[in-house]
Protein backbone atom coordinates (compact mmCIF):
# COMPACT_ATOMS: atom_id res chain seq x y z
CA MET A 1 -211.06 -22.44 -7.34
CA GLU A 2 -211.96 -19.93 -5.08
CA LEU A 3 -208.81 -18.06 -3.03
CA LYS A 4 -209.88 -17.32 0.86
CA TYR A 5 -209.51 -13.93 1.69
CA GLU A 6 -209.70 -11.05 4.04
CA MET A 7 -211.47 -7.71 3.26
CA ILE A 8 -210.22 -4.25 5.53
CA GLY A 9 -212.16 -1.22 5.19
CA GLU A 10 -215.52 0.10 3.13
CA GLY A 11 -213.94 2.92 0.49
CA GLU A 12 -214.44 2.49 -3.70
CA ASN A 13 -210.46 1.77 -4.70
CA LEU A 14 -209.36 -1.67 -4.32
CA LEU A 15 -205.89 -2.65 -3.11
CA ILE A 16 -204.98 -6.13 -2.97
CA LEU A 17 -201.41 -7.46 -1.63
CA ILE A 18 -200.22 -10.70 -2.17
CA HIS A 19 -198.04 -12.31 0.29
CA PRO A 20 -194.69 -13.16 0.18
CA PHE A 21 -193.58 -17.13 0.14
CA PRO A 22 -193.73 -19.46 2.40
CA VAL A 23 -196.15 -17.64 4.83
CA ASN A 24 -199.69 -16.48 4.18
CA LYS A 25 -202.09 -13.30 4.79
CA ASN A 26 -201.26 -13.08 8.66
CA TYR A 27 -197.55 -11.35 6.84
CA PHE A 28 -200.21 -8.39 6.66
CA ASP A 29 -201.33 -7.90 10.30
CA LYS A 30 -199.17 -5.57 11.33
CA ILE A 31 -200.22 -3.13 8.66
CA LYS A 32 -203.57 -3.99 7.75
CA ASN A 33 -205.28 -1.66 9.39
CA SER A 34 -202.76 1.29 9.21
CA ILE A 35 -202.47 1.12 5.30
CA LEU A 36 -205.12 2.59 3.60
CA PRO A 37 -206.68 5.87 3.07
CA SER A 38 -210.59 6.19 3.72
CA SER A 39 -211.27 5.68 -0.03
CA TRP A 40 -209.78 2.57 -0.71
CA LYS A 41 -210.04 -1.14 0.79
CA LEU A 42 -207.82 -3.95 1.30
CA CYS A 43 -207.84 -7.69 0.02
CA LEU A 44 -205.91 -9.64 1.49
CA PRO A 45 -205.75 -13.44 -0.35
CA ASP A 46 -204.72 -16.61 0.86
CA LEU A 47 -202.44 -18.63 -2.30
CA PRO A 48 -203.45 -22.33 -2.32
CA GLY A 49 -201.86 -24.19 0.41
CA PHE A 50 -200.93 -21.52 2.18
CA GLY A 51 -202.83 -20.08 5.51
CA SER A 52 -206.80 -21.01 4.92
CA THR A 53 -207.09 -21.76 0.75
CA PRO A 54 -206.83 -25.48 0.62
CA ASN A 55 -204.58 -27.39 -1.82
CA ASP A 56 -207.20 -27.60 -4.55
CA MET A 57 -205.18 -26.19 -8.09
CA ASP A 58 -205.46 -28.45 -10.22
CA LYS A 59 -202.09 -27.52 -12.33
CA GLU A 60 -199.02 -29.44 -12.44
CA ILE A 61 -196.78 -26.88 -11.57
CA TRP A 62 -198.13 -23.40 -10.03
CA LYS A 63 -196.95 -21.21 -12.18
CA MET A 64 -197.17 -16.94 -11.62
CA GLU A 65 -199.62 -16.82 -14.43
CA ASP A 66 -202.07 -19.12 -12.95
CA LEU A 67 -201.61 -17.72 -9.45
CA ALA A 68 -202.41 -14.22 -11.44
CA LYS A 69 -205.51 -16.11 -13.00
CA LEU A 70 -206.70 -16.89 -9.57
CA ILE A 71 -206.35 -13.13 -8.21
CA ASP A 72 -208.53 -11.82 -10.94
CA GLY A 73 -211.40 -13.58 -9.68
CA LEU A 74 -211.03 -11.58 -6.79
CA VAL A 75 -210.67 -8.74 -8.87
CA ARG A 76 -214.13 -9.45 -10.96
CA LYS A 77 -215.63 -10.28 -7.66
CA ILE A 78 -215.08 -7.38 -5.37
CA ASP A 79 -216.28 -4.15 -6.64
CA HIS A 80 -214.89 -1.13 -7.41
CA ASP A 81 -212.73 2.01 -9.08
CA LYS A 82 -209.40 1.93 -8.93
CA LEU A 83 -207.11 -0.84 -8.78
CA VAL A 84 -204.09 -1.81 -7.50
CA ILE A 85 -202.40 -4.88 -7.37
CA GLY A 86 -199.52 -5.19 -5.25
CA GLY A 87 -197.37 -8.14 -3.34
CA VAL A 88 -194.29 -8.94 -1.67
CA SER A 89 -191.41 -11.41 -2.91
CA MET A 90 -193.34 -13.81 -4.53
CA GLY A 91 -196.67 -11.22 -4.43
CA GLY A 92 -194.71 -9.62 -6.45
CA TYR A 93 -193.84 -12.13 -9.10
CA ILE A 94 -197.38 -13.16 -9.43
CA SER A 95 -198.47 -8.98 -9.43
CA MET A 96 -195.91 -8.61 -12.36
CA ALA A 97 -197.91 -11.94 -14.35
CA TYR A 98 -201.06 -10.10 -13.69
CA ALA A 99 -199.93 -6.99 -15.29
CA LYS A 100 -198.90 -9.08 -18.36
CA ILE A 101 -201.90 -10.88 -18.48
CA TYR A 102 -204.64 -8.65 -18.10
CA PRO A 103 -202.77 -5.03 -18.81
CA GLY A 104 -204.07 -1.82 -18.46
CA LYS A 105 -206.58 -3.52 -16.02
CA ALA A 106 -204.80 -2.31 -12.53
CA GLN A 107 -204.13 1.61 -12.59
CA ALA A 108 -201.14 1.10 -10.45
CA TYR A 109 -198.49 -1.64 -8.87
CA ILE A 110 -196.95 -1.82 -5.41
CA LEU A 111 -193.56 -4.23 -6.13
CA SER A 112 -192.07 -5.26 -2.68
CA ASN A 113 -188.84 -6.92 -1.98
CA THR A 114 -188.98 -8.56 -5.13
CA ASN A 115 -187.07 -9.31 -8.29
CA ASP A 116 -188.51 -8.68 -11.92
CA GLU A 117 -185.87 -10.45 -13.78
CA ALA A 118 -186.37 -14.33 -14.08
CA ASP A 119 -183.93 -16.77 -12.29
CA ALA A 120 -180.31 -16.59 -13.08
CA ASP A 121 -179.88 -20.22 -13.44
CA LYS A 122 -183.37 -20.76 -14.87
CA GLY A 123 -184.99 -21.91 -11.63
CA ALA A 124 -181.82 -24.90 -11.11
CA GLY A 125 -181.22 -23.88 -7.61
CA ARG A 126 -184.97 -24.07 -6.52
CA GLN A 127 -185.06 -27.81 -8.22
CA GLU A 128 -182.20 -28.94 -6.08
CA VAL A 129 -184.72 -27.42 -2.92
CA VAL A 130 -187.76 -29.43 -4.20
CA LYS A 131 -185.77 -32.31 -4.09
CA ASN A 132 -184.55 -31.80 -0.24
CA ILE A 133 -188.15 -31.23 0.58
CA LEU A 134 -189.22 -34.34 -1.44
CA ARG A 135 -186.74 -36.21 1.12
CA GLY A 136 -188.41 -34.73 4.08
CA ASP A 137 -186.24 -31.51 4.87
CA LYS A 138 -189.09 -29.08 4.92
CA ASP A 139 -188.17 -27.76 8.49
CA LEU A 140 -184.65 -27.15 8.16
CA PHE A 141 -185.28 -25.74 4.58
CA LEU A 142 -187.68 -22.79 6.58
CA LYS A 143 -185.30 -22.43 9.47
CA ASN A 144 -182.24 -21.67 7.20
CA LEU A 145 -184.64 -19.33 5.20
CA LEU A 146 -185.61 -17.94 7.99
CA HIS A 147 -182.48 -17.01 9.43
CA ASP A 148 -180.14 -16.48 6.59
CA LYS A 149 -182.43 -14.63 3.83
CA LEU A 150 -186.44 -13.54 5.48
CA VAL A 151 -185.02 -11.00 7.86
CA GLY A 152 -182.22 -8.15 8.23
CA GLU A 153 -179.81 -8.26 10.41
CA THR A 154 -181.37 -5.76 12.89
CA THR A 155 -184.59 -7.75 13.20
CA LEU A 156 -182.16 -10.87 14.42
CA VAL A 157 -180.59 -9.08 17.13
CA LYS A 158 -183.61 -6.52 18.17
CA ARG A 159 -186.70 -8.18 16.86
CA THR A 160 -186.44 -11.77 17.72
CA SER A 161 -190.68 -11.99 18.58
CA LEU A 162 -191.35 -11.92 15.24
CA LEU A 163 -189.57 -15.13 14.22
CA ASP A 164 -191.84 -16.98 16.51
CA GLU A 165 -194.56 -15.20 14.52
CA ILE A 166 -193.29 -16.00 11.32
CA ASN A 167 -192.57 -19.68 12.25
CA THR A 168 -196.02 -20.26 12.72
CA MET A 169 -197.22 -18.69 9.70
CA PHE A 170 -194.50 -22.01 8.27
CA GLU A 171 -196.76 -24.43 9.87
CA GLU A 172 -199.65 -23.37 8.13
CA THR A 173 -198.02 -24.28 4.91
CA THR A 174 -198.03 -27.42 3.16
CA SER A 175 -195.37 -29.14 1.64
CA PHE A 176 -197.26 -29.52 -1.41
CA ALA A 177 -197.62 -26.05 -1.69
CA ILE A 178 -193.92 -24.81 -1.10
CA ILE A 179 -192.87 -27.50 -3.81
CA GLN A 180 -195.30 -25.82 -6.32
CA THR A 181 -194.77 -22.63 -6.21
CA MET A 182 -190.89 -22.88 -6.05
CA ARG A 183 -191.42 -24.95 -9.64
CA GLY A 184 -193.53 -21.69 -10.46
CA MET A 185 -190.97 -19.43 -9.49
CA GLY A 186 -188.37 -20.91 -10.80
CA GLU A 187 -190.21 -21.13 -14.20
CA ARG A 188 -191.41 -17.37 -14.39
CA SER A 189 -190.89 -15.13 -17.12
CA ASP A 190 -188.19 -12.26 -17.30
CA SER A 191 -190.89 -9.14 -16.41
CA ARG A 192 -188.37 -6.14 -17.24
CA LEU A 193 -188.52 -5.28 -20.52
CA PHE A 194 -192.54 -5.06 -19.88
CA PHE A 195 -192.57 -3.05 -17.14
CA SER A 196 -190.00 -0.98 -18.65
CA LYS A 197 -193.00 0.37 -20.95
CA ILE A 198 -195.76 0.82 -18.89
CA GLN A 199 -197.42 3.69 -18.08
CA GLU A 200 -198.73 2.54 -14.91
CA PRO A 201 -197.29 4.45 -11.71
CA VAL A 202 -195.36 1.49 -9.66
CA LEU A 203 -194.09 2.02 -6.00
CA VAL A 204 -191.07 -0.29 -5.71
CA ILE A 205 -190.19 -1.19 -1.82
CA GLY A 206 -187.04 -2.78 -0.63
CA GLY A 207 -185.30 -3.26 2.49
CA ASN A 208 -181.68 -1.72 2.96
CA GLU A 209 -180.48 -5.11 4.88
CA ASP A 210 -182.12 -7.91 2.23
CA ASN A 211 -180.12 -10.33 1.75
CA LEU A 212 -181.85 -12.34 -0.75
CA ILE A 213 -182.99 -9.98 -3.33
CA ALA A 214 -180.83 -6.86 -2.89
CA ILE A 215 -181.71 -3.40 -2.08
CA GLU A 216 -179.63 -2.85 -5.99
CA VAL A 217 -182.58 -4.42 -7.44
CA ALA A 218 -184.96 -2.35 -6.56
CA LYS A 219 -182.71 0.73 -7.52
CA THR A 220 -182.84 -0.51 -10.93
CA MET A 221 -186.47 -1.52 -11.32
CA THR A 222 -186.98 2.17 -10.29
CA MET A 223 -184.45 4.03 -12.79
CA ILE A 224 -185.90 1.61 -15.36
CA TYR A 225 -189.71 2.22 -15.17
CA PRO A 226 -191.00 5.34 -16.42
CA LYS A 227 -193.52 6.36 -13.54
CA ALA A 228 -191.99 4.51 -10.45
CA GLU A 229 -190.64 5.57 -7.07
CA LEU A 230 -188.66 3.87 -4.52
CA ALA A 231 -189.39 3.60 -1.18
CA ILE A 232 -186.28 2.34 1.18
CA ILE A 233 -187.31 0.51 4.50
CA ASN A 234 -184.33 1.00 6.14
CA HIS A 235 -182.99 -1.35 8.94
CA THR A 236 -185.54 -4.23 7.09
CA GLY A 237 -184.72 -7.39 5.68
CA HIS A 238 -186.74 -9.58 3.00
CA TYR A 239 -189.96 -8.95 5.31
CA SER A 240 -189.52 -5.30 5.82
CA ALA A 241 -193.69 -4.44 6.25
CA MET A 242 -193.31 -7.35 9.11
CA GLU A 243 -189.97 -5.61 10.20
CA ASP A 244 -190.49 -1.78 10.19
CA PRO A 245 -194.69 -1.92 9.64
CA GLU A 246 -194.72 1.85 10.47
CA ALA A 247 -192.50 2.79 7.72
CA TYR A 248 -193.97 0.69 4.90
CA SER A 249 -197.64 1.70 5.93
CA LYS A 250 -196.37 5.15 5.12
CA SER A 251 -194.67 4.44 1.95
CA VAL A 252 -197.73 2.71 0.75
CA ILE A 253 -199.82 5.70 2.02
CA GLY A 254 -198.75 8.37 0.40
CA PHE A 255 -198.11 6.47 -2.77
CA LEU A 256 -202.09 5.62 -3.06
CA ASN A 257 -202.98 9.31 -2.03
CA LYS A 258 -201.10 10.27 -5.28
CA LEU A 259 -203.73 7.72 -7.77
């Protein structure tokens, strides 16, 4: 299958950014026109069942490696010189899987609001969520996830309009995609050892109000990777690119300009 995607810019270098769970490429709407140096173009794919890409992936479980192979289909399709692969949360898991499957193919990585370790409970918590969704609790799950985990305290008080934008993306996500990617995230392998040895530059981004993946995780990743730099987006949670697009864009532009 082929992923649906949006292209911005006409530069010779390619940045692919992979959206987080459980939304779609519209997550990047607030930054897509301000994130690129002139020599870069941006590809924003929708993963299967999220946004414009249908549920056509013929896999029992949508593993991060399977999704990384779909991303590579875009890499092979789009002409480019330098390549940077990046993603937010689940998109970060897919980016790390890409690095392991295709070592050296990307010149750098952007890992945003994500975790390089496998689930501590080996995915048991995610399997419980899957059972609840199968019982018809998708809307309740997403409501609780949004208010408890996806945005920071500052956003809940001062940026309440974002909640409607996120809910609109939720409505475009199928229950099947949620179930399959939850299973895939639960089975993902640890990436810390691999990334502790790579020589490609890595930008690690975290929100200091992230209740899902604490900022300490991003700090640890940055200390371990040989060529990593850390960007902390203050007063934001797990969806930092939406919560403070200006600060997020600035960190990415600065990183790309060094490559």
